[in-house]
Amino acid sequence: MLFQLAFIAAATLDSAAVQGVWRTEGYGLVVSIAGKEFKAYEETGISCLPSLTASLRPGGKKGTAEFGNSDEQIFVVSLEARDRVRIHSEGAASDMFARRTAGLPAACGQPTEDTPLRNVDIFAQTFGAHYILFGQKKVDWPAVVSAARAKVTAKTTRAELFVILQGMIEPLHDAHTFLADPRTGTQYHGARPGTDSLLRGGRANLLKNEVPKAFAATAKYLKGPLHPWCNDQVWSGKIDEGTAYLRLLSFSGYAKSGGFREELAALEMALDSVLVPGLKRLIIDVRINMGGADPLGLAIASRLATVPYVAYSKEARSDPANREAWTPGQASRVTPTTKRSFKGAVAILTGGLTISAGETFTQAMMGRRPAVVRVGEPTQGVFSDVLGRQLPNGFRFGLPNEVFRAPDGKTFDGPGIPPTHPAPVFSAADRAAGKDSALEKALELTKP
């Protein structure tokens, strides 16, 4: 779930109202809007690197103007006040806010020094300003940075630098941290210990080889074959005449072309076919779910809701020096839909590979009434959008800078969301016996 920007400029006002430079509250971004073009920059205390450029698109809702780029992202900026704008991204569960500033930082107008030590320092400052879990992970970041800097010389090679940077974040064991060198294809992705065995061959191998093996026993409980939806990211079937089975492998890639709107349309079509009249119970399987767009999970939750409720409230780190300072919370609500829906018994199967948007979906279902039965093992424990960044040498990296708070203020980052009813997930014993203990438990608990 990589962070995507969306900038919306109020069309009913003089265009001069949104021209200028805006600094986000949190997120470390500076945005320059000039005419029909905006540019985003990634800012630290020692650097300013260009990040994104987009151009004005025709149309858009009243009071807004849309910008787009070649990646089929829709970038949208609405004026909240004379010196404050709201920044929304289609596919994101919350908005950013930015305040007008006098101009671009001086560093934005000149090349950033590309030396091994400068790359380490930009990497270190970005994590220091935005990463959310140093305390919980018991990581002394200043000490980590000091040790890393001591290893760097002017002759440090590109490969050696990658190893040094990876070593800085590896102890976090965080699935929303990554480091990549596009030039060589070298990549590192974090993961919670004990949950990464199926991920070691990469995502392509997971989907092609590991998913069929993991779900081999599950197929024995189904009446007939599974039906693919949403570009093979969603699968549905029947366990019996009154029981539907819905497997969600991700919340992304739902359409072969287009952006979030096309993906949502594909999901709505699938749900219209799955939530048929006469359904008595629904088993939702997100034991392997690689994440994506949080609002797709909210769309499913709205089909299953009986009353409105708050799914979660999203906040971001807002002060580089104060790790306890957060942006004001933005609540995401689940509201019963007028579309085809289901109000009966629901069970969700979760595990260590329930990741990111798979977890925010699980969290969004926790307020549902009647209560959802959660069966399996704790989720991965990463909820934030990934704040994507770059270094002067071309390395890309990412980190979580947000929390998703439950209505009572609780967060689940780190250990993940626990099941209400623990059960083995793809265990060696289950595979040898050809059984699915978690699915069996869910069927038992939701028996009509």
Protein backbone atom coordinates (compact mmCIF):
# COMPACT_ATOMS: atom_id res chain seq x y z
CA MET A 1 0.00 0.00 0.00
CA LEU A 2 2.52 2.73 -1.13
CA PHE A 3 1.55 6.29 -0.24
CA GLN A 4 0.04 8.13 -3.20
CA LEU A 5 -0.56 11.85 -3.35
CA ALA A 6 -3.77 13.49 -4.53
CA PHE A 7 -4.11 17.22 -4.82
CA ILE A 8 -7.41 19.07 -5.29
CA ALA A 9 -7.64 22.78 -6.14
CA ALA A 10 -10.95 24.60 -5.66
CA ALA A 11 -12.26 25.41 -9.12
CA THR A 12 -14.81 27.99 -7.94
CA LEU A 13 -12.06 30.31 -6.71
CA ASP A 14 -9.58 32.39 -8.65
CA SER A 15 -6.71 30.12 -9.66
CA ALA A 16 -4.35 32.45 -7.84
CA ALA A 17 -5.83 31.21 -4.54
CA VAL A 18 -4.04 27.86 -4.78
CA GLN A 19 -0.91 28.97 -6.55
CA GLY A 20 2.18 28.86 -4.43
CA VAL A 21 3.97 26.51 -2.06
CA TRP A 22 2.37 24.30 0.59
CA ARG A 23 4.01 22.30 3.39
CA THR A 24 2.12 19.25 4.68
CA GLU A 25 1.29 18.73 8.34
CA GLY A 26 3.30 15.57 8.87
CA TYR A 27 4.44 13.50 5.85
CA GLY A 28 7.53 15.63 5.11
CA LEU A 29 6.26 16.92 1.76
CA VAL A 30 6.39 20.34 0.14
CA VAL A 31 4.06 21.00 -2.80
CA SER A 32 4.49 23.67 -5.44
CA ILE A 33 1.38 24.52 -7.49
CA ALA A 34 1.98 26.71 -10.53
CA GLY A 35 -0.57 27.07 -13.32
CA LYS A 36 -1.67 23.63 -14.49
CA GLU A 37 1.19 21.78 -12.89
CA PHE A 38 2.13 20.79 -9.38
CA LYS A 39 5.33 19.30 -8.10
CA ALA A 40 5.88 17.49 -4.82
CA TYR A 41 9.20 17.41 -2.97
CA GLU A 42 10.45 15.15 -0.18
CA GLU A 43 11.91 17.30 2.56
CA THR A 44 14.23 16.59 5.48
CA GLY A 45 16.33 18.95 7.56
CA ILE A 46 19.23 18.48 5.13
CA SER A 47 17.62 17.73 1.77
CA CYS A 48 14.82 18.41 -0.66
CA LEU A 49 14.32 15.89 -3.46
CA PRO A 50 11.74 16.12 -6.29
CA SER A 51 9.12 13.40 -5.91
CA LEU A 52 6.14 13.76 -8.21
CA THR A 53 4.80 15.89 -11.06
CA ALA A 54 1.23 15.89 -12.39
CA SER A 55 -0.88 17.93 -14.79
CA LEU A 56 -4.38 19.36 -14.59
CA ARG A 57 -7.16 17.10 -15.88
CA PRO A 58 -10.47 18.33 -17.28
CA GLY A 59 -13.64 17.80 -15.30
CA GLY A 60 -13.74 16.85 -11.65
CA LYS A 61 -16.35 17.48 -9.00
CA LYS A 62 -17.63 20.98 -8.35
CA GLY A 63 -15.17 22.91 -6.26
CA THR A 64 -12.28 20.67 -7.19
CA ALA A 65 -9.78 20.21 -9.96
CA GLU A 66 -8.06 16.93 -10.70
CA PHE A 67 -4.48 16.29 -11.69
CA GLY A 68 -3.16 13.08 -13.15
CA ASN A 69 0.02 11.36 -14.25
CA SER A 70 1.05 8.46 -16.42
CA ASP A 71 0.67 5.98 -13.55
CA GLU A 72 -3.12 6.42 -13.71
CA GLN A 73 -3.15 8.07 -10.29
CA ILE A 74 -5.71 10.79 -9.78
CA PHE A 75 -4.25 13.69 -7.89
CA VAL A 76 -6.71 16.03 -6.56
CA VAL A 77 -6.32 20.23 -3.73
CA SER A 78 -9.42 21.86 -2.00
CA LEU A 79 -8.95 25.13 -0.23
CA GLU A 80 -9.92 24.77 3.44
CA ALA A 81 -8.95 28.33 4.30
CA ARG A 82 -6.86 31.07 2.78
CA ASP A 83 -3.63 29.43 3.91
CA ARG A 84 -4.62 25.77 4.27
CA VAL A 85 -5.53 23.06 1.77
CA ARG A 86 -6.95 19.57 2.10
CA ILE A 87 -5.08 16.88 0.18
CA HIS A 88 -6.93 13.70 -0.76
CA SER A 89 -5.87 10.59 -2.64
CA GLU A 90 -8.32 8.20 -4.24
CA GLY A 91 -7.66 4.87 -2.61
CA ALA A 92 -6.59 6.38 0.73
CA ALA A 93 -8.68 6.28 3.91
CA SER A 94 -7.76 9.81 5.01
CA ASP A 95 -6.57 13.18 3.76
CA MET A 96 -3.48 15.27 4.31
CA PHE A 97 -3.51 18.96 5.14
CA ALA A 98 -0.94 21.53 4.08
CA ARG A 99 -0.26 25.14 5.00
CA ARG A 100 0.96 27.89 2.73
CA THR A 101 4.63 28.73 3.05
CA ALA A 102 6.65 31.62 1.64
CA GLY A 103 8.46 29.52 -0.94
CA LEU A 104 10.36 26.37 -1.65
CA PRO A 105 13.19 25.57 0.75
CA ALA A 106 16.54 26.63 -0.70
CA ALA A 107 17.60 22.98 -0.92
CA CYS A 108 14.80 22.28 -3.43
CA GLY A 109 16.41 24.48 -6.04
CA GLN A 110 19.78 22.79 -6.13
CA PRO A 111 21.13 19.25 -6.57
CA THR A 112 21.41 17.20 -3.39
CA GLU A 113 24.90 15.96 -2.63
CA ASP A 114 25.20 12.27 -3.54
CA THR A 115 27.80 10.80 -1.22
CA PRO A 116 27.57 7.64 0.88
CA LEU A 117 27.36 9.64 4.11
CA ARG A 118 24.73 12.07 2.79
CA ASN A 119 22.57 9.13 1.68
CA VAL A 120 22.83 7.60 5.15
CA ASP A 121 21.94 10.90 6.80
CA ILE A 122 18.85 11.49 4.64
CA PHE A 123 17.72 7.91 5.30
CA ALA A 124 18.33 8.37 9.03
CA GLN A 125 16.52 11.71 9.26
CA THR A 126 13.49 10.39 7.37
CA PHE A 127 13.07 7.45 9.72
CA GLY A 128 13.81 9.61 12.75
CA ALA A 129 11.12 12.12 11.77
CA HIS A 130 8.37 9.75 10.65
CA TYR A 131 8.74 6.14 11.86
CA ILE A 132 6.07 5.25 14.45
CA LEU A 133 7.36 2.26 16.46
CA PHE A 134 10.87 2.86 17.78
CA GLY A 135 9.65 2.64 21.37
CA GLN A 136 7.62 -0.51 20.90
CA LYS A 137 10.43 -2.14 18.94
CA LYS A 138 12.94 -1.08 21.62
CA VAL A 139 15.27 0.40 19.01
CA ASP A 140 17.59 3.26 19.99
CA TRP A 141 17.58 5.05 16.64
CA PRO A 142 20.30 7.62 17.42
CA ALA A 143 22.59 4.75 18.42
CA VAL A 144 21.72 2.87 15.22
CA VAL A 145 22.50 5.96 13.16
CA SER A 146 25.80 6.54 14.93
CA ALA A 147 26.90 2.96 14.34
CA ALA A 148 25.94 3.14 10.66
CA ARG A 149 27.75 6.42 10.06
CA ALA A 150 30.90 4.92 11.55
CA LYS A 151 30.90 2.26 8.83
CA VAL A 152 30.73 4.74 5.96
CA THR A 153 33.65 6.24 4.08
CA ALA A 154 33.96 8.17 0.85
CA LYS A 155 34.89 4.85 -0.82
CA THR A 156 31.83 2.91 0.39
CA THR A 157 30.41 1.11 -2.66
CA ARG A 158 26.78 1.06 -3.69
CA ALA A 159 26.42 -2.58 -2.62
CA GLU A 160 28.08 -1.90 0.74
CA LEU A 161 25.80 1.08 1.33
CA PHE A 162 22.74 -1.07 0.70
CA VAL A 163 23.92 -3.55 3.34
CA ILE A 164 24.50 -0.73 5.84
CA LEU A 165 21.04 0.77 5.31
CA GLN A 166 19.37 -2.63 5.45
CA GLY A 167 21.16 -3.31 8.70
CA MET A 168 19.69 -0.14 10.19
CA ILE A 169 16.06 -1.20 9.65
CA GLU A 170 16.27 -4.99 9.74
CA PRO A 171 15.92 -5.11 13.57
CA LEU A 172 12.54 -3.39 13.24
CA HIS A 173 11.05 -6.55 11.65
CA ASP A 174 8.42 -4.31 10.10
CA ALA A 175 6.62 -5.41 6.93
CA HIS A 176 6.00 -1.77 6.01
CA THR A 177 9.71 -1.03 5.77
CA PHE A 178 11.54 -1.68 2.53
CA LEU A 179 14.71 -0.75 0.69
CA ALA A 180 15.28 -1.21 -3.05
CA ASP A 181 17.99 -0.45 -5.57
CA PRO A 182 16.26 -0.11 -8.96
CA ARG A 183 19.62 -0.18 -10.72
CA THR A 184 20.52 -3.69 -9.56
CA GLY A 185 17.12 -5.08 -8.55
CA THR A 186 18.32 -5.68 -5.00
CA GLN A 187 15.45 -5.49 -2.49
CA TYR A 188 14.77 -5.88 1.21
CA HIS A 189 11.35 -6.13 2.86
CA GLY A 190 10.82 -6.48 6.58
CA ALA A 191 8.47 -8.97 8.23
CA ARG A 192 7.46 -10.04 11.71
CA PRO A 193 9.53 -13.07 12.76
CA GLY A 194 7.70 -16.34 12.20
CA THR A 195 5.44 -14.99 9.47
CA ASP A 196 7.79 -14.80 6.51
CA SER A 197 8.26 -18.42 5.45
CA LEU A 198 5.87 -18.18 2.49
CA LEU A 199 7.28 -14.79 1.46
CA ARG A 200 10.91 -15.77 1.01
CA GLY A 201 10.58 -16.45 -2.70
CA GLY A 202 8.92 -13.08 -3.39
CA ARG A 203 5.32 -12.09 -4.09
CA ALA A 204 5.19 -13.66 -7.57
CA ASN A 205 6.27 -17.02 -6.16
CA LEU A 206 3.79 -16.65 -3.30
CA LEU A 207 0.82 -16.20 -5.63
CA LYS A 208 1.91 -18.79 -8.19
CA ASN A 209 3.22 -21.58 -5.98
CA GLU A 210 2.60 -21.03 -2.27
CA VAL A 211 -1.05 -19.95 -2.39
CA PRO A 212 -2.26 -23.10 -4.20
CA LYS A 213 -0.34 -25.30 -1.75
CA ALA A 214 -1.57 -23.37 1.31
CA PHE A 215 -5.21 -23.60 0.25
CA ALA A 216 -5.11 -27.18 -1.05
CA ALA A 217 -6.91 -28.51 2.02
CA THR A 218 -9.45 -25.68 1.99
CA ALA A 219 -10.73 -26.81 -1.40
CA LYS A 220 -11.97 -30.05 0.13
CA TYR A 221 -14.61 -28.14 2.12
CA LEU A 222 -16.04 -26.38 -0.91
CA LYS A 223 -19.01 -27.45 -2.98
CA GLY A 224 -17.75 -26.99 -6.52
CA PRO A 225 -14.92 -24.81 -7.85
CA LEU A 226 -14.05 -21.28 -6.83
CA HIS A 227 -15.03 -18.41 -9.12
CA PRO A 228 -12.40 -15.71 -9.83
CA TRP A 229 -13.23 -12.00 -9.58
CA CYS A 230 -11.32 -8.74 -9.62
CA ASN A 231 -8.46 -9.83 -11.85
CA ASP A 232 -8.01 -13.05 -9.83
CA GLN A 233 -7.53 -11.21 -6.53
CA VAL A 234 -10.95 -12.25 -5.19
CA TRP A 235 -12.38 -15.77 -5.25
CA SER A 236 -15.80 -17.01 -4.18
CA GLY A 237 -17.48 -20.35 -3.71
CA LYS A 238 -20.00 -22.28 -1.64
CA ILE A 239 -19.46 -24.54 1.34
CA ASP A 240 -23.14 -25.48 1.37
CA GLU A 241 -26.34 -23.94 0.04
CA GLY A 242 -26.48 -21.35 2.82
CA THR A 243 -22.77 -20.70 3.30
CA ALA A 244 -20.63 -18.52 1.01
CA TYR A 245 -16.84 -18.53 1.06
CA LEU A 246 -15.01 -15.33 -0.01
CA ARG A 247 -11.22 -15.32 -0.37
CA LEU A 248 -9.49 -11.93 -0.64
CA LEU A 249 -5.84 -12.22 -1.70
CA SER A 250 -5.33 -8.46 -1.73
CA PHE A 251 -7.07 -5.12 -1.94
CA SER A 252 -5.22 -4.07 -5.07
CA GLY A 253 -4.88 -5.04 -8.72
CA TYR A 254 -8.64 -5.52 -9.08
CA ALA A 255 -8.68 -4.13 -12.63
CA LYS A 256 -6.31 -4.75 -15.54
CA SER A 257 -6.30 -1.03 -16.35
CA GLY A 258 -7.40 2.17 -14.69
CA GLY A 259 -7.18 3.33 -11.10
CA PHE A 260 -9.13 3.10 -7.86
CA ARG A 261 -12.51 3.81 -9.46
CA GLU A 262 -12.18 0.85 -11.81
CA GLU A 263 -11.04 -1.41 -8.94
CA LEU A 264 -14.02 -0.40 -6.80
CA ALA A 265 -16.41 -1.09 -9.68
CA ALA A 266 -14.92 -4.57 -10.10
CA LEU A 267 -15.34 -5.29 -6.38
CA GLU A 268 -18.95 -4.09 -6.34
CA MET A 269 -19.75 -6.42 -9.23
CA ALA A 270 -18.26 -9.36 -7.34
CA LEU A 271 -20.18 -8.55 -4.14
CA ASP A 272 -23.45 -8.34 -6.06
CA SER A 273 -22.91 -11.93 -7.14
CA VAL A 274 -21.65 -13.30 -3.81
CA LEU A 275 -24.24 -11.79 -1.47
CA VAL A 276 -27.22 -13.63 -2.91
CA PRO A 277 -30.67 -13.85 -1.32
CA GLY A 278 -31.02 -16.82 1.03
CA LEU A 279 -27.45 -16.63 2.30
CA LYS A 280 -27.23 -17.70 5.96
CA ARG A 281 -23.53 -17.17 6.74
CA LEU A 282 -20.39 -15.80 5.14
CA ILE A 283 -16.79 -16.96 5.65
CA ILE A 284 -14.22 -14.33 4.60
CA ASP A 285 -10.67 -15.62 4.19
CA VAL A 286 -7.85 -13.06 4.41
CA ARG A 287 -5.18 -15.43 5.76
CA ILE A 288 -3.08 -14.50 2.74
CA ASN A 289 -3.83 -10.88 1.86
CA MET A 290 -1.04 -8.59 0.66
CA GLY A 291 -2.90 -5.30 1.25
CA GLY A 292 -3.81 -2.43 -1.05
CA ALA A 293 -6.47 0.27 -0.84
CA ASP A 294 -8.20 0.59 2.53
CA PRO A 295 -11.47 2.00 1.08
CA LEU A 296 -12.05 -1.29 -0.76
CA GLY A 297 -12.24 -2.99 2.63
CA LEU A 298 -14.62 -0.31 3.86
CA ALA A 299 -16.82 -0.98 0.80
CA ILE A 300 -17.13 -4.63 1.85
CA ALA A 301 -17.80 -3.66 5.46
CA SER A 302 -20.66 -1.38 4.34
CA ARG A 303 -22.32 -4.35 2.59
CA LEU A 304 -22.27 -6.28 5.89
CA ALA A 305 -23.16 -3.46 8.30
CA THR A 306 -26.46 -3.28 10.17
CA VAL A 307 -25.82 0.08 11.88
CA PRO A 308 -23.35 2.93 11.27
CA TYR A 309 -20.12 2.84 13.28
CA VAL A 310 -16.54 4.14 13.30
CA ALA A 311 -14.09 1.69 11.74
CA TYR A 312 -10.94 3.50 12.86
CA SER A 313 -9.36 6.93 13.13
CA LYS A 314 -6.15 7.63 11.25
CA GLU A 315 -3.30 9.84 12.54
CA ALA A 316 0.23 10.58 11.33
CA ARG A 317 3.39 11.59 13.16
CA SER A 318 3.46 15.37 13.01
CA ASP A 319 6.67 16.48 14.76
CA PRO A 320 10.16 15.21 13.86
CA ALA A 321 11.41 15.79 17.41
CA ASN A 322 8.35 14.64 19.40
CA ARG A 323 7.38 11.02 18.78
CA GLU A 324 4.14 11.51 20.72
CA ALA A 325 2.84 14.33 18.49
CA TRP A 326 0.16 13.32 15.97
CA THR A 327 -2.04 14.99 13.40
CA PRO A 328 -5.74 15.28 14.36
CA GLY A 329 -7.53 11.95 13.91
CA GLN A 330 -9.66 11.43 10.81
CA ALA A 331 -12.41 8.88 11.35
CA SER A 332 -13.43 6.38 8.68
CA ARG A 333 -17.04 5.34 9.14
CA VAL A 334 -18.90 2.24 8.01
CA THR A 335 -22.43 3.00 6.87
CA PRO A 336 -24.99 0.39 5.78
CA THR A 337 -25.41 0.49 2.01
CA THR A 338 -28.52 0.41 -0.13
CA LYS A 339 -26.77 -2.08 -2.41
CA ARG A 340 -27.16 -5.84 -2.05
CA SER A 341 -26.03 -6.68 1.48
CA PHE A 342 -25.84 -9.39 4.13
CA LYS A 343 -26.80 -9.03 7.80
CA GLY A 344 -26.22 -12.59 9.06
CA ALA A 345 -23.34 -14.48 10.65
CA VAL A 346 -19.84 -13.58 9.44
CA ALA A 347 -16.50 -15.19 10.25
CA ILE A 348 -13.10 -13.84 9.18
CA LEU A 349 -10.05 -16.10 8.89
CA THR A 350 -6.79 -14.25 9.67
CA GLY A 351 -3.11 -15.08 9.99
CA GLY A 352 0.40 -13.68 9.89
CA LEU A 353 0.08 -12.96 6.16
CA THR A 354 -3.01 -10.82 6.69
CA ILE A 355 -1.12 -7.65 5.89
CA SER A 356 -1.82 -3.91 5.70
CA ALA A 357 -5.23 -3.28 4.06
CA GLY A 358 -6.12 -6.87 4.97
CA GLU A 359 -5.66 -5.75 8.56
CA THR A 360 -7.50 -2.45 8.26
CA PHE A 361 -10.40 -4.43 6.77
CA THR A 362 -10.30 -6.80 9.74
CA GLN A 363 -10.21 -3.79 12.07
CA ALA A 364 -13.13 -2.19 10.22
CA MET A 365 -15.20 -5.33 10.80
CA MET A 366 -14.60 -5.34 14.56
CA GLY A 367 -17.38 -2.81 15.18
CA ARG A 368 -19.95 -4.74 13.18
CA ARG A 369 -23.14 -5.98 14.88
CA PRO A 370 -23.85 -8.83 15.12
CA ALA A 371 -20.22 -9.36 16.04
CA VAL A 372 -17.87 -10.99 13.57
CA VAL A 373 -16.08 -14.18 14.63
CA ARG A 374 -12.33 -13.89 14.00
CA VAL A 375 -10.60 -17.25 13.69
CA GLY A 376 -6.95 -18.16 13.13
CA GLU A 377 -3.77 -16.36 14.18
CA PRO A 378 -2.80 -12.69 14.77
CA THR A 379 -2.42 -10.49 11.70
CA GLN A 380 0.98 -9.16 10.57
CA GLY A 381 0.77 -5.88 12.54
CA VAL A 382 1.24 -3.15 9.88
CA PHE A 383 -1.56 -0.69 9.13
CA SER A 384 -0.12 2.60 7.88
CA ASP A 385 0.18 3.59 4.26
CA VAL A 386 3.83 3.21 3.31
CA LEU A 387 5.53 6.59 3.10
CA GLY A 388 7.64 6.13 -0.01
CA ARG A 389 10.96 7.96 -0.29
CA GLN A 390 14.11 8.14 -2.42
CA LEU A 391 17.79 8.89 -1.89
CA PRO A 392 20.12 10.95 -4.08
CA ASN A 393 21.78 7.77 -5.38
CA GLY A 394 18.43 6.40 -6.61
CA PHE A 395 17.69 3.95 -3.79
CA ARG A 396 13.98 3.76 -2.88
CA PHE A 397 12.75 3.07 0.62
CA GLY A 398 9.57 3.18 2.66
CA LEU A 399 8.28 3.27 6.21
CA PRO A 400 5.03 3.56 8.19
CA ASN A 401 4.21 7.02 9.57
CA GLU A 402 0.53 6.58 10.55
CA VAL A 403 -1.58 4.69 13.08
CA PHE A 404 -5.15 3.39 12.75
CA ARG A 405 -6.78 3.84 16.16
CA ALA A 406 -9.83 1.88 17.27
CA PRO A 407 -12.68 3.93 18.81
CA ASP A 408 -11.17 3.24 22.26
CA GLY A 409 -7.77 4.57 21.13
CA LYS A 410 -6.10 1.16 20.85
CA THR A 411 -3.70 0.37 18.01
CA PHE A 412 -2.53 -3.03 16.78
CA ASP A 413 0.78 -2.14 15.14
CA GLY A 414 3.45 -4.68 15.97
CA PRO A 415 1.64 -7.74 17.36
CA GLY A 416 -1.34 -7.45 14.99
CA ILE A 417 -5.04 -8.06 15.60
CA PRO A 418 -5.58 -11.21 17.66
CA PRO A 419 -8.32 -13.68 16.72
CA THR A 420 -11.32 -14.13 18.98
CA HIS A 421 -10.85 -17.88 18.51
CA PRO A 422 -7.25 -19.09 17.92
CA ALA A 423 -6.74 -21.91 15.43
CA PRO A 424 -3.77 -23.18 13.37
CA VAL A 425 -3.21 -21.49 10.01
CA PHE A 426 -1.60 -23.60 7.27
CA SER A 427 0.28 -25.62 9.88
CA ALA A 428 2.48 -28.57 8.94
CA ALA A 429 0.16 -30.88 10.87
CA ASP A 430 -2.91 -29.60 9.02
CA ARG A 431 -1.19 -29.93 5.65
CA ALA A 432 -0.13 -33.49 6.41
CA ALA A 433 -3.65 -34.38 7.51
CA GLY A 434 -5.28 -32.55 4.59
CA LYS A 435 -7.46 -30.42 6.88
CA ASP A 436 -8.16 -26.75 7.52
CA SER A 437 -8.56 -26.32 11.28
CA ALA A 438 -9.33 -22.60 11.10
CA LEU A 439 -12.10 -23.06 8.54
CA GLU A 440 -13.55 -25.94 10.56
CA LYS A 441 -13.60 -23.75 13.68
CA ALA A 442 -15.29 -20.88 11.80
CA LEU A 443 -17.99 -23.23 10.49
CA GLU A 444 -18.57 -24.61 13.95
CA LEU A 445 -18.88 -21.15 15.53
CA THR A 446 -21.29 -19.81 12.89
CA LYS A 447 -23.52 -22.88 12.70
CA PRO A 448 -27.11 -21.73 12.08
